[in-house]
Amino acid sequence: MANVCTVCGKGECSGNNVSHSHLKTKRTWKPNIQKVRALVDGDIKKINVCTRCLRSGKVQRAV
């Protein structure tokens, strides 16, 4: 599953783990993506949506 929201485009971002001794290693933060059956242009489709878009009501779930 792709780690990109089809509604807002939120995706993976990267940064550093910083230890107590200030050593840095690369790491990534992944968004909470859910595969959801939703109404898109009157049709029911499965799309990948982040939980922020689900919670804010930007997506109308199909029943």
PDB file of N, CA and C in Angstrom:
ATOM      1  N   MET A   1       0.840  -1.174   0.000  1.00  0.00           N
ATOM      2  CA  MET A   1       0.000   0.000   0.000  1.00  0.00           C
ATOM      3  C   MET A   1       0.893   1.248   0.000  1.00  0.00           C
ATOM      4  N   ALA A   2       0.572   2.202  -0.842  1.00  0.00           N
ATOM      5  CA  ALA A   2       1.349   3.435  -0.897  1.00  0.00           C
ATOM      6  C   ALA A   2       1.083   4.272   0.345  1.00  0.00           C
ATOM      7  N   ASN A   3       2.122   4.887   0.856  1.00  0.00           N
ATOM      8  CA  ASN A   3       1.978   5.730   2.038  1.00  0.00           C
ATOM      9  C   ASN A   3       1.689   7.177   1.658  1.00  0.00           C
ATOM     10  N   VAL A   4       0.672   7.369   0.803  1.00  0.00           N
ATOM     11  CA  VAL A   4       0.274   8.711   0.385  1.00  0.00           C
ATOM     12  C   VAL A   4      -1.247   8.801   0.440  1.00  0.00           C
ATOM     13  N   CYS A   5      -1.755   9.884   1.031  1.00  0.00           N
ATOM     14  CA  CYS A   5      -3.196  10.122   1.083  1.00  0.00           C
ATOM     15  C   CYS A   5      -3.655  10.660  -0.264  1.00  0.00           C
ATOM     16  N   THR A   6      -4.729  10.081  -0.823  1.00  0.00           N
ATOM     17  CA  THR A   6      -5.221  10.532  -2.122  1.00  0.00           C
ATOM     18  C   THR A   6      -5.977  11.860  -2.012  1.00  0.00           C
ATOM     19  N   VAL A   7      -6.405  12.253  -0.812  1.00  0.00           N
ATOM     20  CA  VAL A   7      -7.163  13.487  -0.638  1.00  0.00           C
ATOM     21  C   VAL A   7      -6.229  14.680  -0.427  1.00  0.00           C
ATOM     22  N   CYS A   8      -5.348  14.601   0.549  1.00  0.00           N
ATOM     23  CA  CYS A   8      -4.508  15.755   0.890  1.00  0.00           C
ATOM     24  C   CYS A   8      -3.067  15.608   0.418  1.00  0.00           C
ATOM     25  N   GLY A   9      -2.661  14.407   0.007  1.00  0.00           N
ATOM     26  CA  GLY A   9      -1.305  14.209  -0.484  1.00  0.00           C
ATOM     27  C   GLY A   9      -0.266  14.015   0.602  1.00  0.00           C
ATOM     28  N   LYS A  10      -0.722  13.831   1.838  1.00  0.00           N
ATOM     29  CA  LYS A  10       0.224  13.631   2.935  1.00  0.00           C
ATOM     30  C   LYS A  10       0.997  12.342   2.706  1.00  0.00           C
ATOM     31  N   GLY A  11       2.320  12.401   2.889  1.00  0.00           N
ATOM     32  CA  GLY A  11       3.164  11.238   2.658  1.00  0.00           C
ATOM     33  C   GLY A  11       4.230  11.110   3.716  1.00  0.00           C
ATOM     34  N   GLU A  12       5.202  10.253   3.421  1.00  0.00           N
ATOM     35  CA  GLU A  12       6.298   9.994   4.333  1.00  0.00           C
ATOM     36  C   GLU A  12       7.193  11.221   4.452  1.00  0.00           C
ATOM     37  N   CYS A  13       7.673  11.520   5.651  1.00  0.00           N
ATOM     38  CA  CYS A  13       8.682  12.568   5.786  1.00  0.00           C
ATOM     39  C   CYS A  13       9.859  12.002   6.572  1.00  0.00           C
ATOM     40  N   SER A  14      10.998  12.607   6.384  1.00  0.00           N
ATOM     41  CA  SER A  14      12.213  12.052   6.965  1.00  0.00           C
ATOM     42  C   SER A  14      12.872  13.051   7.899  1.00  0.00           C
ATOM     43  N   GLY A  15      13.730  12.511   8.745  1.00  0.00           N
ATOM     44  CA  GLY A  15      14.459  13.340   9.693  1.00  0.00           C
ATOM     45  C   GLY A  15      15.524  12.500  10.370  1.00  0.00           C
ATOM     46  N   ASN A  16      15.900  12.896  11.562  1.00  0.00           N
ATOM     47  CA  ASN A  16      16.966  12.214  12.282  1.00  0.00           C
ATOM     48  C   ASN A  16      16.489  11.715  13.636  1.00  0.00           C
ATOM     49  N   ASN A  17      16.942  10.496  14.017  1.00  0.00           N
ATOM     50  CA  ASN A  17      16.924  10.088  15.408  1.00  0.00           C
ATOM     51  C   ASN A  17      18.117  10.761  16.056  1.00  0.00           C
ATOM     52  N   VAL A  18      17.923  11.373  17.202  1.00  0.00           N
ATOM     53  CA  VAL A  18      19.034  12.016  17.897  1.00  0.00           C
ATOM     54  C   VAL A  18      19.173  11.354  19.256  1.00  0.00           C
ATOM     55  N   SER A  19      20.317  10.718  19.482  1.00  0.00           N
ATOM     56  CA  SER A  19      20.545  10.005  20.731  1.00  0.00           C
ATOM     57  C   SER A  19      20.980  10.974  21.829  1.00  0.00           C
ATOM     58  N   HIS A  20      21.143  10.462  23.035  1.00  0.00           N
ATOM     59  CA  HIS A  20      21.569  11.269  24.173  1.00  0.00           C
ATOM     60  C   HIS A  20      22.957  11.866  23.923  1.00  0.00           C
ATOM     61  N   SER A  21      23.811  11.099  23.228  1.00  0.00           N
ATOM     62  CA  SER A  21      25.157  11.598  22.912  1.00  0.00           C
ATOM     63  C   SER A  21      25.173  12.440  21.635  1.00  0.00           C
ATOM     64  N   HIS A  22      23.993  12.747  21.117  1.00  0.00           N
ATOM     65  CA  HIS A  22      23.794  13.606  19.952  1.00  0.00           C
ATOM     66  C   HIS A  22      24.270  12.978  18.639  1.00  0.00           C
ATOM     67  N   LEU A  23      24.326  11.634  18.578  1.00  0.00           N
ATOM     68  CA  LEU A  23      24.574  10.951  17.312  1.00  0.00           C
ATOM     69  C   LEU A  23      23.274  10.949  16.525  1.00  0.00           C
ATOM     70  N   LYS A  24      23.382  11.121  15.218  1.00  0.00           N
ATOM     71  CA  LYS A  24      22.189  11.215  14.385  1.00  0.00           C
ATOM     72  C   LYS A  24      22.139  10.067  13.387  1.00  0.00           C
ATOM     73  N   THR A  25      20.969   9.432  13.272  1.00  0.00           N
ATOM     74  CA  THR A  25      20.722   8.424  12.245  1.00  0.00           C
ATOM     75  C   THR A  25      19.408   8.775  11.566  1.00  0.00           C
ATOM     76  N   LYS A  26      19.317   8.437  10.275  1.00  0.00           N
ATOM     77  CA  LYS A  26      18.120   8.763   9.506  1.00  0.00           C
ATOM     78  C   LYS A  26      16.938   7.913   9.952  1.00  0.00           C
ATOM     79  N   ARG A  27      15.754   8.508   9.895  1.00  0.00           N
ATOM     80  CA  ARG A  27      14.517   7.784  10.163  1.00  0.00           C
ATOM     81  C   ARG A  27      13.398   8.418   9.370  1.00  0.00           C
ATOM     82  N   THR A  28      12.241   7.729   9.311  1.00  0.00           N
ATOM     83  CA  THR A  28      11.086   8.251   8.588  1.00  0.00           C
ATOM     84  C   THR A  28       9.852   8.218   9.484  1.00  0.00           C
ATOM     85  N   TRP A  29       8.952   9.137   9.228  1.00  0.00           N
ATOM     86  CA  TRP A  29       7.638   9.155   9.859  1.00  0.00           C
ATOM     87  C   TRP A  29       6.617   8.851   8.782  1.00  0.00           C
ATOM     88  N   LYS A  30       5.785   7.852   9.033  1.00  0.00           N
ATOM     89  CA  LYS A  30       4.773   7.462   8.046  1.00  0.00           C
ATOM     90  C   LYS A  30       3.400   7.895   8.529  1.00  0.00           C
ATOM     91  N   PRO A  31       2.560   8.403   7.625  1.00  0.00           N
ATOM     92  CA  PRO A  31       1.209   8.809   8.015  1.00  0.00           C
ATOM     93  C   PRO A  31       0.329   7.582   8.248  1.00  0.00           C
ATOM     94  N   ASN A  32      -0.730   7.783   9.015  1.00  0.00           N
ATOM     95  CA  ASN A  32      -1.678   6.706   9.304  1.00  0.00           C
ATOM     96  C   ASN A  32      -2.656   6.624   8.134  1.00  0.00           C
ATOM     97  N   ILE A  33      -2.350   5.745   7.179  1.00  0.00           N
ATOM     98  CA  ILE A  33      -3.144   5.606   5.956  1.00  0.00           C
ATOM     99  C   ILE A  33      -4.069   4.400   6.081  1.00  0.00           C
ATOM    100  N   GLN A  34      -5.349   4.608   5.758  1.00  0.00           N
ATOM    101  CA  GLN A  34      -6.339   3.539   5.786  1.00  0.00           C
ATOM    102  C   GLN A  34      -6.907   3.348   4.384  1.00  0.00           C
ATOM    103  N   LYS A  35      -7.145   2.100   3.991  1.00  0.00           N
ATOM    104  CA  LYS A  35      -7.811   1.810   2.721  1.00  0.00           C
ATOM    105  C   LYS A  35      -9.313   1.811   2.997  1.00  0.00           C
ATOM    106  N   VAL A  36     -10.038   2.718   2.321  1.00  0.00           N
ATOM    107  CA  VAL A  36     -11.431   2.991   2.649  1.00  0.00           C
ATOM    108  C   VAL A  36     -12.281   2.925   1.394  1.00  0.00           C
ATOM    109  N   ARG A  37     -13.478   2.350   1.515  1.00  0.00           N
ATOM    110  CA  ARG A  37     -14.460   2.418   0.422  1.00  0.00           C
ATOM    111  C   ARG A  37     -15.164   3.761   0.556  1.00  0.00           C
ATOM    112  N   ALA A  38     -15.044   4.590  -0.482  1.00  0.00           N
ATOM    113  CA  ALA A  38     -15.594   5.944  -0.410  1.00  0.00           C
ATOM    114  C   ALA A  38     -16.314   6.293  -1.701  1.00  0.00           C
ATOM    115  N   LEU A  39     -17.199   7.280  -1.610  1.00  0.00           N
ATOM    116  CA  LEU A  39     -17.895   7.793  -2.789  1.00  0.00           C
ATOM    117  C   LEU A  39     -16.997   8.819  -3.483  1.00  0.00           C
ATOM    118  N   VAL A  40     -16.620   8.521  -4.729  1.00  0.00           N
ATOM    119  CA  VAL A  40     -15.802   9.432  -5.523  1.00  0.00           C
ATOM    120  C   VAL A  40     -16.541   9.662  -6.841  1.00  0.00           C
ATOM    121  N   ASP A  41     -17.018  10.871  -7.055  1.00  0.00           N
ATOM    122  CA  ASP A  41     -17.781  11.231  -8.255  1.00  0.00           C
ATOM    123  C   ASP A  41     -18.977  10.305  -8.493  1.00  0.00           C
ATOM    124  N   GLY A  42     -19.680   9.941  -7.419  1.00  0.00           N
ATOM    125  CA  GLY A  42     -20.865   9.095  -7.519  1.00  0.00           C
ATOM    126  C   GLY A  42     -20.578   7.611  -7.597  1.00  0.00           C
ATOM    127  N   ASP A  43     -19.320   7.224  -7.700  1.00  0.00           N
ATOM    128  CA  ASP A  43     -18.948   5.809  -7.745  1.00  0.00           C
ATOM    129  C   ASP A  43     -18.285   5.415  -6.435  1.00  0.00           C
ATOM    130  N   ILE A  44     -18.414   4.130  -6.097  1.00  0.00           N
ATOM    131  CA  ILE A  44     -17.752   3.615  -4.906  1.00  0.00           C
ATOM    132  C   ILE A  44     -16.387   3.083  -5.319  1.00  0.00           C
ATOM    133  N   LYS A  45     -15.339   3.650  -4.701  1.00  0.00           N
ATOM    134  CA  LYS A  45     -13.973   3.236  -4.998  1.00  0.00           C
ATOM    135  C   LYS A  45     -13.211   3.015  -3.703  1.00  0.00           C
ATOM    136  N   LYS A  46     -12.179   2.178  -3.767  1.00  0.00           N
ATOM    137  CA  LYS A  46     -11.281   2.015  -2.632  1.00  0.00           C
ATOM    138  C   LYS A  46     -10.131   3.001  -2.796  1.00  0.00           C
ATOM    139  N   ILE A  47      -9.972   3.866  -1.805  1.00  0.00           N
ATOM    140  CA  ILE A  47      -8.901   4.852  -1.863  1.00  0.00           C
ATOM    141  C   ILE A  47      -8.109   4.826  -0.560  1.00  0.00           C
ATOM    142  N   ASN A  48      -6.867   5.289  -0.640  1.00  0.00           N
ATOM    143  CA  ASN A  48      -6.012   5.397   0.537  1.00  0.00           C
ATOM    144  C   ASN A  48      -6.164   6.793   1.116  1.00  0.00           C
ATOM    145  N   VAL A  49      -6.612   6.854   2.376  1.00  0.00           N
ATOM    146  CA  VAL A  49      -6.910   8.133   3.009  1.00  0.00           C
ATOM    147  C   VAL A  49      -6.255   8.175   4.379  1.00  0.00           C
ATOM    148  N   CYS A  50      -5.692   9.342   4.742  1.00  0.00           N
ATOM    149  CA  CYS A  50      -5.129   9.484   6.081  1.00  0.00           C
ATOM    150  C   CYS A  50      -6.263   9.681   7.084  1.00  0.00           C
ATOM    151  N   THR A  51      -6.002   9.356   8.324  1.00  0.00           N
ATOM    152  CA  THR A  51      -7.043   9.433   9.347  1.00  0.00           C
ATOM    153  C   THR A  51      -7.453  10.870   9.628  1.00  0.00           C
ATOM    154  N   ARG A  52      -6.589  11.830   9.369  1.00  0.00           N
ATOM    155  CA  ARG A  52      -6.956  13.243   9.551  1.00  0.00           C
ATOM    156  C   ARG A  52      -8.075  13.627   8.590  1.00  0.00           C
ATOM    157  N   CYS A  53      -7.994  13.164   7.329  1.00  0.00           N
ATOM    158  CA  CYS A  53      -9.040  13.465   6.345  1.00  0.00           C
ATOM    159  C   CYS A  53     -10.328  12.725   6.679  1.00  0.00           C
ATOM    160  N   LEU A  54     -10.223  11.494   7.171  1.00  0.00           N
ATOM    161  CA  LEU A  54     -11.417  10.750   7.581  1.00  0.00           C
ATOM    162  C   LEU A  54     -12.128  11.456   8.724  1.00  0.00           C
ATOM    163  N   ARG A  55     -11.357  11.887   9.708  1.00  0.00           N
ATOM    164  CA  ARG A  55     -11.923  12.481  10.904  1.00  0.00           C
ATOM    165  C   ARG A  55     -12.534  13.848  10.628  1.00  0.00           C
ATOM    166  N   SER A  56     -11.945  14.600   9.700  1.00  0.00           N
ATOM    167  CA  SER A  56     -12.434  15.948   9.427  1.00  0.00           C
ATOM    168  C   SER A  56     -13.622  15.947   8.471  1.00  0.00           C
ATOM    169  N   GLY A  57     -13.946  14.771   7.888  1.00  0.00           N
ATOM    170  CA  GLY A  57     -15.119  14.681   7.022  1.00  0.00           C
ATOM    171  C   GLY A  57     -14.854  15.060   5.585  1.00  0.00           C
ATOM    172  N   LYS A  58     -13.607  15.060   5.150  1.00  0.00           N
ATOM    173  CA  LYS A  58     -13.284  15.363   3.753  1.00  0.00           C
ATOM    174  C   LYS A  58     -13.640  14.209   2.822  1.00  0.00           C
ATOM    175  N   VAL A  59     -13.891  13.022   3.402  1.00  0.00           N
ATOM    176  CA  VAL A  59     -14.211  11.826   2.634  1.00  0.00           C
ATOM    177  C   VAL A  59     -15.563  11.302   3.076  1.00  0.00           C
ATOM    178  N   GLN A  60     -16.423  10.991   2.102  1.00  0.00           N
ATOM    179  CA  GLN A  60     -17.713  10.388   2.414  1.00  0.00           C
ATOM    180  C   GLN A  60     -17.602   8.892   2.226  1.00  0.00           C
ATOM    181  N   ARG A  61     -17.653   8.158   3.332  1.00  0.00           N
ATOM    182  CA  ARG A  61     -17.508   6.710   3.268  1.00  0.00           C
ATOM    183  C   ARG A  61     -18.743   6.073   2.659  1.00  0.00           C
ATOM    184  N   ALA A  62     -18.508   4.998   1.893  1.00  0.00           N
ATOM    185  CA  ALA A  62     -19.616   4.235   1.304  1.00  0.00           C
ATOM    186  C   ALA A  62     -20.096   3.221   2.321  1.00  0.00           C
ATOM    187  N   VAL A  63     -21.395   3.005   2.351  1.00  0.00           N
ATOM    188  CA  VAL A  63     -21.973   2.068   3.324  1.00  0.00           C
ATOM    189  C   VAL A  63     -22.205   0.718   2.720  1.00  0.00           C
TER     190      VAL A  63
END
